[in-house]
Amino acid sequence: MRSLRLELPELYRILYDHYGPQGWWPVDDQYHRKNGSDPREEIVIGAVLTQNTSWKNVAKALENLKKNSLLSFRAIIDLPLQTLEELIKPSGYYRLKAKRLKEVCKALIPVEKVASISRDELLSIRGIGPETADAILLYAGNRPFFVIDAYTARIMERAFGISGGYEELRSYFENNLPQEVELFKEFHALLDRHAKQHCRKKPLCDGCPLTEACRSAPVLSL
């Protein structure tokens, strides 16, 4: 795998200076204080719901669960399947996701398991693939696993000519960054923000903070 024109820590600094802290993964701490539930459970549930959909749709499904005081592993395990399907319908693929959620919640209750479960064990749970596993390990388990999503892959390929499978890209980030959980969290969130704001499917290069380093940036005539 070839190298960037700039080192990963420098890429992180440019994005951080441009966008500021992203505060990802979002959780409703007030809800959990009121209901005596654990914010880590919301992260796991959200990580499953966000498969193949936008966060805007996931937020609607989470809000449905919160309105009914059902945003916890135990509540999801105990809910009738059809009721759960209806509540998470905004997230898409709701029948499949309802079954996956029940499987994941059963496997990870109590939520303290996210601090010690191995990645291979997570991947053995039906409904958890590499991206979901790493999101759970990083954001719920506070462990240094870098999350590779379609946004990150797009930026690396388009801007820097770096491509590869999921594990290859994950290793690239993990081997070229300090093993710091908060750095991994913020970097992943910043890459997603940049992909949504500038490095879209049809890129918006005006004002892009990576113009000087990006191999796909338009050449300005003097």
C-alpha atoms as a PDB file:
ATOM      1  CA  MET A   1       0.000   0.000   0.000  1.00  0.00           C
ATOM      2  CA  ARG A   2       1.511   3.317  -1.069  1.00  0.00           C
ATOM      3  CA  SER A   3       1.995   6.239   1.312  1.00  0.00           C
ATOM      4  CA  LEU A   4       0.053   9.466   1.592  1.00  0.00           C
ATOM      5  CA  ARG A   5       1.563  12.719   0.405  1.00  0.00           C
ATOM      6  CA  LEU A   6       1.230  13.691   4.059  1.00  0.00           C
ATOM      7  CA  GLU A   7       1.357  11.541   7.162  1.00  0.00           C
ATOM      8  CA  LEU A   8      -1.890  10.441   8.800  1.00  0.00           C
ATOM      9  CA  PRO A   9      -1.351  12.602  11.915  1.00  0.00           C
ATOM     10  CA  GLU A  10      -0.971  15.615   9.610  1.00  0.00           C
ATOM     11  CA  LEU A  11      -4.156  14.694   7.745  1.00  0.00           C
ATOM     12  CA  TYR A  12      -5.920  14.484  11.103  1.00  0.00           C
ATOM     13  CA  ARG A  13      -4.587  17.903  12.140  1.00  0.00           C
ATOM     14  CA  ILE A  14      -5.770  19.548   8.914  1.00  0.00           C
ATOM     15  CA  LEU A  15      -9.269  18.113   9.277  1.00  0.00           C
ATOM     16  CA  TYR A  16      -9.453  18.922  12.991  1.00  0.00           C
ATOM     17  CA  ASP A  17      -8.316  22.510  12.450  1.00  0.00           C
ATOM     18  CA  HIS A  18     -10.909  22.915   9.698  1.00  0.00           C
ATOM     19  CA  TYR A  19     -13.950  21.230  11.255  1.00  0.00           C
ATOM     20  CA  GLY A  20     -13.239  21.210  14.981  1.00  0.00           C
ATOM     21  CA  PRO A  21     -14.214  18.407  17.386  1.00  0.00           C
ATOM     22  CA  GLN A  22     -17.106  16.233  16.253  1.00  0.00           C
ATOM     23  CA  GLY A  23     -18.145  14.674  19.573  1.00  0.00           C
ATOM     24  CA  TRP A  24     -18.941  11.321  18.030  1.00  0.00           C
ATOM     25  CA  TRP A  25     -20.575   8.841  18.983  1.00  0.00           C
ATOM     26  CA  PRO A  26     -23.668  10.844  20.013  1.00  0.00           C
ATOM     27  CA  VAL A  27     -25.578   9.536  23.042  1.00  0.00           C
ATOM     28  CA  ASP A  28     -28.411  10.976  25.102  1.00  0.00           C
ATOM     29  CA  ASP A  29     -26.841  11.119  28.563  1.00  0.00           C
ATOM     30  CA  GLN A  30     -29.917  12.783  30.053  1.00  0.00           C
ATOM     31  CA  TYR A  31     -32.118   9.908  28.900  1.00  0.00           C
ATOM     32  CA  HIS A  32     -29.804   7.328  30.438  1.00  0.00           C
ATOM     33  CA  ARG A  33     -29.553   9.188  33.750  1.00  0.00           C
ATOM     34  CA  LYS A  34     -33.342   9.377  33.912  1.00  0.00           C
ATOM     35  CA  ASN A  35     -33.887   5.728  32.983  1.00  0.00           C
ATOM     36  CA  GLY A  36     -30.898   4.191  34.737  1.00  0.00           C
ATOM     37  CA  SER A  37     -29.618   2.720  31.480  1.00  0.00           C
ATOM     38  CA  ASP A  38     -26.101   2.612  30.051  1.00  0.00           C
ATOM     39  CA  PRO A  39     -25.008   4.926  27.182  1.00  0.00           C
ATOM     40  CA  ARG A  40     -22.838   2.124  25.814  1.00  0.00           C
ATOM     41  CA  GLU A  41     -25.997   0.185  25.032  1.00  0.00           C
ATOM     42  CA  GLU A  42     -27.229   3.081  22.882  1.00  0.00           C
ATOM     43  CA  ILE A  43     -23.940   3.001  20.953  1.00  0.00           C
ATOM     44  CA  VAL A  44     -24.229  -0.731  20.272  1.00  0.00           C
ATOM     45  CA  ILE A  45     -27.876  -0.421  19.229  1.00  0.00           C
ATOM     46  CA  GLY A  46     -27.044   2.531  16.989  1.00  0.00           C
ATOM     47  CA  ALA A  47     -24.128   0.653  15.420  1.00  0.00           C
ATOM     48  CA  VAL A  48     -26.472  -2.122  14.329  1.00  0.00           C
ATOM     49  CA  LEU A  49     -29.207   0.236  13.134  1.00  0.00           C
ATOM     50  CA  THR A  50     -26.818   2.336  11.043  1.00  0.00           C
ATOM     51  CA  GLN A  51     -26.016  -0.572   8.739  1.00  0.00           C
ATOM     52  CA  ASN A  52     -26.963   0.371   5.154  1.00  0.00           C
ATOM     53  CA  THR A  53     -28.651   3.635   6.064  1.00  0.00           C
ATOM     54  CA  SER A  54     -27.944   7.247   7.035  1.00  0.00           C
ATOM     55  CA  TRP A  55     -27.591   8.457  10.594  1.00  0.00           C
ATOM     56  CA  LYS A  56     -30.642  10.697  10.096  1.00  0.00           C
ATOM     57  CA  ASN A  57     -32.778   7.557   9.778  1.00  0.00           C
ATOM     58  CA  VAL A  58     -31.072   5.881  12.724  1.00  0.00           C
ATOM     59  CA  ALA A  59     -31.779   8.922  14.904  1.00  0.00           C
ATOM     60  CA  LYS A  60     -35.509   8.568  14.178  1.00  0.00           C
ATOM     61  CA  ALA A  61     -35.466   4.913  15.202  1.00  0.00           C
ATOM     62  CA  LEU A  62     -33.531   5.678  18.395  1.00  0.00           C
ATOM     63  CA  GLU A  63     -36.010   8.436  19.222  1.00  0.00           C
ATOM     64  CA  ASN A  64     -38.867   5.950  18.890  1.00  0.00           C
ATOM     65  CA  LEU A  65     -37.150   3.654  21.374  1.00  0.00           C
ATOM     66  CA  LYS A  66     -36.454   6.538  23.762  1.00  0.00           C
ATOM     67  CA  LYS A  67     -40.047   7.803  23.670  1.00  0.00           C
ATOM     68  CA  ASN A  68     -41.124   4.396  24.926  1.00  0.00           C
ATOM     69  CA  SER A  69     -38.238   4.035  27.428  1.00  0.00           C
ATOM     70  CA  LEU A  70     -36.954   1.018  25.491  1.00  0.00           C
ATOM     71  CA  LEU A  71     -33.394   2.055  24.648  1.00  0.00           C
ATOM     72  CA  SER A  72     -31.591  -0.747  26.449  1.00  0.00           C
ATOM     73  CA  PHE A  73     -30.463  -4.313  25.845  1.00  0.00           C
ATOM     74  CA  ARG A  74     -32.977  -5.792  28.296  1.00  0.00           C
ATOM     75  CA  ALA A  75     -35.904  -3.875  26.806  1.00  0.00           C
ATOM     76  CA  ILE A  76     -35.030  -4.984  23.267  1.00  0.00           C
ATOM     77  CA  ILE A  77     -34.584  -8.606  24.330  1.00  0.00           C
ATOM     78  CA  ASP A  78     -37.997  -8.594  26.030  1.00  0.00           C
ATOM     79  CA  LEU A  79     -39.898  -6.742  23.292  1.00  0.00           C
ATOM     80  CA  PRO A  80     -42.119  -8.724  20.930  1.00  0.00           C
ATOM     81  CA  LEU A  81     -40.383  -8.897  17.569  1.00  0.00           C
ATOM     82  CA  GLN A  82     -43.174  -7.125  15.678  1.00  0.00           C
ATOM     83  CA  THR A  83     -43.207  -4.244  18.156  1.00  0.00           C
ATOM     84  CA  LEU A  84     -39.455  -3.801  17.778  1.00  0.00           C
ATOM     85  CA  GLU A  85     -39.785  -3.891  13.995  1.00  0.00           C
ATOM     86  CA  GLU A  86     -42.325  -1.085  14.069  1.00  0.00           C
ATOM     87  CA  LEU A  87     -40.213   1.099  16.373  1.00  0.00           C
ATOM     88  CA  ILE A  88     -37.048   0.804  14.289  1.00  0.00           C
ATOM     89  CA  LYS A  89     -38.808   1.013  10.926  1.00  0.00           C
ATOM     90  CA  PRO A  90     -37.229   4.395  10.008  1.00  0.00           C
ATOM     91  CA  SER A  91     -33.778   2.764   9.920  1.00  0.00           C
ATOM     92  CA  GLY A  92     -34.690   0.563   6.953  1.00  0.00           C
ATOM     93  CA  TYR A  93     -34.374  -3.238   6.633  1.00  0.00           C
ATOM     94  CA  TYR A  94     -36.284  -3.199   9.899  1.00  0.00           C
ATOM     95  CA  ARG A  95     -37.307  -6.870   9.926  1.00  0.00           C
ATOM     96  CA  LEU A  96     -33.730  -8.024   9.494  1.00  0.00           C
ATOM     97  CA  LYS A  97     -32.372  -5.419  11.900  1.00  0.00           C
ATOM     98  CA  ALA A  98     -34.899  -6.325  14.599  1.00  0.00           C
ATOM     99  CA  LYS A  99     -33.673  -9.930  14.539  1.00  0.00           C
ATOM    100  CA  ARG A 100     -30.050  -8.788  14.510  1.00  0.00           C
ATOM    101  CA  LEU A 101     -30.627  -6.421  17.419  1.00  0.00           C
ATOM    102  CA  LYS A 102     -32.075  -9.173  19.553  1.00  0.00           C
ATOM    103  CA  GLU A 103     -29.130 -11.459  18.750  1.00  0.00           C
ATOM    104  CA  VAL A 104     -26.573  -8.748  19.514  1.00  0.00           C
ATOM    105  CA  CYS A 105     -28.245  -7.623  22.740  1.00  0.00           C
ATOM    106  CA  LYS A 106     -28.452 -11.199  24.008  1.00  0.00           C
ATOM    107  CA  ALA A 107     -24.784 -11.785  23.184  1.00  0.00           C
ATOM    108  CA  LEU A 108     -23.518  -8.562  24.784  1.00  0.00           C
ATOM    109  CA  ILE A 109     -25.611  -8.344  27.932  1.00  0.00           C
ATOM    110  CA  PRO A 110     -24.298  -7.192  30.384  1.00  0.00           C
ATOM    111  CA  VAL A 111     -22.801  -4.330  28.384  1.00  0.00           C
ATOM    112  CA  GLU A 112     -19.525  -4.547  30.332  1.00  0.00           C
ATOM    113  CA  LYS A 113     -18.605  -7.298  27.877  1.00  0.00           C
ATOM    114  CA  VAL A 114     -17.665  -4.635  25.302  1.00  0.00           C
ATOM    115  CA  ALA A 115     -14.574  -3.837  27.383  1.00  0.00           C
ATOM    116  CA  SER A 116     -13.130  -7.341  27.079  1.00  0.00           C
ATOM    117  CA  ILE A 117     -14.773  -9.270  24.237  1.00  0.00           C
ATOM    118  CA  SER A 118     -12.392 -10.105  21.417  1.00  0.00           C
ATOM    119  CA  ARG A 119     -12.947  -8.833  17.895  1.00  0.00           C
ATOM    120  CA  ASP A 120     -13.256 -12.412  16.645  1.00  0.00           C
ATOM    121  CA  GLU A 121     -15.951 -13.118  19.233  1.00  0.00           C
ATOM    122  CA  LEU A 122     -17.859 -10.035  18.125  1.00  0.00           C
ATOM    123  CA  LEU A 123     -17.611 -11.068  14.485  1.00  0.00           C
ATOM    124  CA  SER A 124     -19.057 -14.479  15.350  1.00  0.00           C
ATOM    125  CA  ILE A 125     -22.332 -12.832  16.453  1.00  0.00           C
ATOM    126  CA  ARG A 126     -24.949 -12.869  13.703  1.00  0.00           C
ATOM    127  CA  GLY A 127     -25.502  -9.352  12.401  1.00  0.00           C
ATOM    128  CA  ILE A 128     -22.057  -7.988  13.262  1.00  0.00           C
ATOM    129  CA  GLY A 129     -19.588  -7.403  10.440  1.00  0.00           C
ATOM    130  CA  PRO A 130     -16.157  -5.742  10.590  1.00  0.00           C
ATOM    131  CA  GLU A 131     -17.377  -2.129  10.525  1.00  0.00           C
ATOM    132  CA  THR A 132     -20.029  -2.720  13.201  1.00  0.00           C
ATOM    133  CA  ALA A 133     -17.568  -4.684  15.338  1.00  0.00           C
ATOM    134  CA  ASP A 134     -14.947  -1.955  15.225  1.00  0.00           C
ATOM    135  CA  ALA A 135     -17.529   0.755  15.956  1.00  0.00           C
ATOM    136  CA  ILE A 136     -18.621  -1.170  19.044  1.00  0.00           C
ATOM    137  CA  LEU A 137     -15.045  -1.801  20.190  1.00  0.00           C
ATOM    138  CA  LEU A 138     -13.975   1.815  19.667  1.00  0.00           C
ATOM    139  CA  TYR A 139     -16.977   3.822  20.791  1.00  0.00           C
ATOM    140  CA  ALA A 140     -18.595   1.515  23.360  1.00  0.00           C
ATOM    141  CA  GLY A 141     -15.518  -0.411  24.487  1.00  0.00           C
ATOM    142  CA  ASN A 142     -13.064   2.519  24.334  1.00  0.00           C
ATOM    143  CA  ARG A 143     -10.512   0.309  22.613  1.00  0.00           C
ATOM    144  CA  PRO A 144      -8.170   1.313  19.760  1.00  0.00           C
ATOM    145  CA  PHE A 145      -9.807  -0.253  16.704  1.00  0.00           C
ATOM    146  CA  PHE A 146     -10.111   2.061  13.701  1.00  0.00           C
ATOM    147  CA  VAL A 147     -13.474   2.069  11.921  1.00  0.00           C
ATOM    148  CA  ILE A 148     -13.358   1.956   8.134  1.00  0.00           C
ATOM    149  CA  ASP A 149     -16.563   2.949   6.386  1.00  0.00           C
ATOM    150  CA  ALA A 150     -17.494   3.863   2.818  1.00  0.00           C
ATOM    151  CA  TYR A 151     -16.726   7.534   3.478  1.00  0.00           C
ATOM    152  CA  THR A 152     -13.184   6.801   4.645  1.00  0.00           C
ATOM    153  CA  ALA A 153     -12.543   4.403   1.757  1.00  0.00           C
ATOM    154  CA  ARG A 154     -13.769   7.033  -0.715  1.00  0.00           C
ATOM    155  CA  ILE A 155     -11.468   9.739   0.636  1.00  0.00           C
ATOM    156  CA  MET A 156      -8.428   7.480   0.707  1.00  0.00           C
ATOM    157  CA  GLU A 157      -8.988   6.266  -2.846  1.00  0.00           C
ATOM    158  CA  ARG A 158     -10.019   9.548  -4.456  1.00  0.00           C
ATOM    159  CA  ALA A 159      -7.745  11.956  -2.633  1.00  0.00           C
ATOM    160  CA  PHE A 160      -4.668   9.825  -2.083  1.00  0.00           C
ATOM    161  CA  GLY A 161      -4.905   6.843  -4.430  1.00  0.00           C
ATOM    162  CA  ILE A 162      -4.905   4.405  -1.528  1.00  0.00           C
ATOM    163  CA  SER A 163      -7.285   1.496  -1.888  1.00  0.00           C
ATOM    164  CA  GLY A 164      -7.688  -1.898  -0.324  1.00  0.00           C
ATOM    165  CA  GLY A 165     -10.076  -4.183   1.480  1.00  0.00           C
ATOM    166  CA  TYR A 166     -11.493  -3.425   4.895  1.00  0.00           C
ATOM    167  CA  GLU A 167      -8.762  -5.134   6.898  1.00  0.00           C
ATOM    168  CA  GLU A 168      -5.981  -3.640   4.799  1.00  0.00           C
ATOM    169  CA  LEU A 169      -7.266  -0.098   5.311  1.00  0.00           C
ATOM    170  CA  ARG A 170      -7.879  -0.687   9.013  1.00  0.00           C
ATOM    171  CA  SER A 171      -4.322  -1.948   9.471  1.00  0.00           C
ATOM    172  CA  TYR A 172      -2.999   1.046   7.544  1.00  0.00           C
ATOM    173  CA  PHE A 173      -4.629   3.481   9.953  1.00  0.00           C
ATOM    174  CA  GLU A 174      -3.837   1.506  13.096  1.00  0.00           C
ATOM    175  CA  ASN A 175      -0.177   1.029  12.130  1.00  0.00           C
ATOM    176  CA  ASN A 176       0.391   4.667  11.207  1.00  0.00           C
ATOM    177  CA  LEU A 177      -1.283   6.438  14.115  1.00  0.00           C
ATOM    178  CA  PRO A 178      -0.581   6.601  17.835  1.00  0.00           C
ATOM    179  CA  GLN A 179      -2.736   4.003  19.592  1.00  0.00           C
ATOM    180  CA  GLU A 180      -5.007   6.588  21.200  1.00  0.00           C
ATOM    181  CA  VAL A 181      -8.719   5.875  21.529  1.00  0.00           C
ATOM    182  CA  GLU A 182      -9.831   9.509  21.450  1.00  0.00           C
ATOM    183  CA  LEU A 183      -7.705  10.151  18.358  1.00  0.00           C
ATOM    184  CA  PHE A 184      -9.273   7.166  16.581  1.00  0.00           C
ATOM    185  CA  LYS A 185     -12.779   8.345  17.494  1.00  0.00           C
ATOM    186  CA  GLU A 186     -12.215  11.909  16.375  1.00  0.00           C
ATOM    187  CA  PHE A 187     -10.364  10.959  13.182  1.00  0.00           C
ATOM    188  CA  HIS A 188     -13.106   8.597  12.054  1.00  0.00           C
ATOM    189  CA  ALA A 189     -15.750  11.250  12.719  1.00  0.00           C
ATOM    190  CA  LEU A 190     -13.740  13.929  10.900  1.00  0.00           C
ATOM    191  CA  LEU A 191     -13.324  11.745   7.817  1.00  0.00           C
ATOM    192  CA  ASP A 192     -17.085  11.173   7.756  1.00  0.00           C
ATOM    193  CA  ARG A 193     -17.731  14.903   8.137  1.00  0.00           C
ATOM    194  CA  HIS A 194     -15.326  15.682   5.302  1.00  0.00           C
ATOM    195  CA  ALA A 195     -16.926  13.085   3.014  1.00  0.00           C
ATOM    196  CA  LYS A 196     -20.370  14.552   3.625  1.00  0.00           C
ATOM    197  CA  GLN A 197     -19.286  18.159   3.212  1.00  0.00           C
ATOM    198  CA  HIS A 198     -16.705  18.009   0.412  1.00  0.00           C
ATOM    199  CA  CYS A 199     -15.705  14.520  -0.711  1.00  0.00           C
ATOM    200  CA  ARG A 200     -19.202  13.508  -1.779  1.00  0.00           C
ATOM    201  CA  LYS A 201     -19.989  11.069  -4.562  1.00  0.00           C
ATOM    202  CA  LYS A 202     -19.848  14.181  -6.728  1.00  0.00           C
ATOM    203  CA  PRO A 203     -17.043  16.118  -4.986  1.00  0.00           C
ATOM    204  CA  LEU A 204     -17.344  19.743  -3.945  1.00  0.00           C
ATOM    205  CA  CYS A 205     -13.751  20.935  -4.185  1.00  0.00           C
ATOM    206  CA  ASP A 206     -14.416  24.618  -3.455  1.00  0.00           C
ATOM    207  CA  GLY A 207     -13.108  25.344   0.040  1.00  0.00           C
ATOM    208  CA  CYS A 208     -11.821  21.811   0.574  1.00  0.00           C
ATOM    209  CA  PRO A 209      -9.058  21.802   3.221  1.00  0.00           C
ATOM    210  CA  LEU A 210      -7.249  18.946   1.462  1.00  0.00           C
ATOM    211  CA  THR A 211      -6.884  20.604  -1.943  1.00  0.00           C
ATOM    212  CA  GLU A 212      -3.086  20.852  -1.800  1.00  0.00           C
ATOM    213  CA  ALA A 213      -2.648  17.174  -0.911  1.00  0.00           C
ATOM    214  CA  CYS A 214      -5.500  15.668  -2.947  1.00  0.00           C
ATOM    215  CA  ARG A 215      -4.522  13.924  -6.171  1.00  0.00           C
ATOM    216  CA  SER A 216      -8.007  14.505  -7.607  1.00  0.00           C
ATOM    217  CA  ALA A 217      -8.194  18.222  -6.861  1.00  0.00           C
ATOM    218  CA  PRO A 218      -8.622  20.424  -9.938  1.00  0.00           C
ATOM    219  CA  VAL A 219      -5.421  22.124 -11.110  1.00  0.00           C
ATOM    220  CA  LEU A 220      -5.745  25.886 -10.844  1.00  0.00           C
ATOM    221  CA  SER A 221      -4.397  27.857 -13.787  1.00  0.00           C
ATOM    222  CA  LEU A 222      -2.257  30.887 -13.038  1.00  0.00           C
END
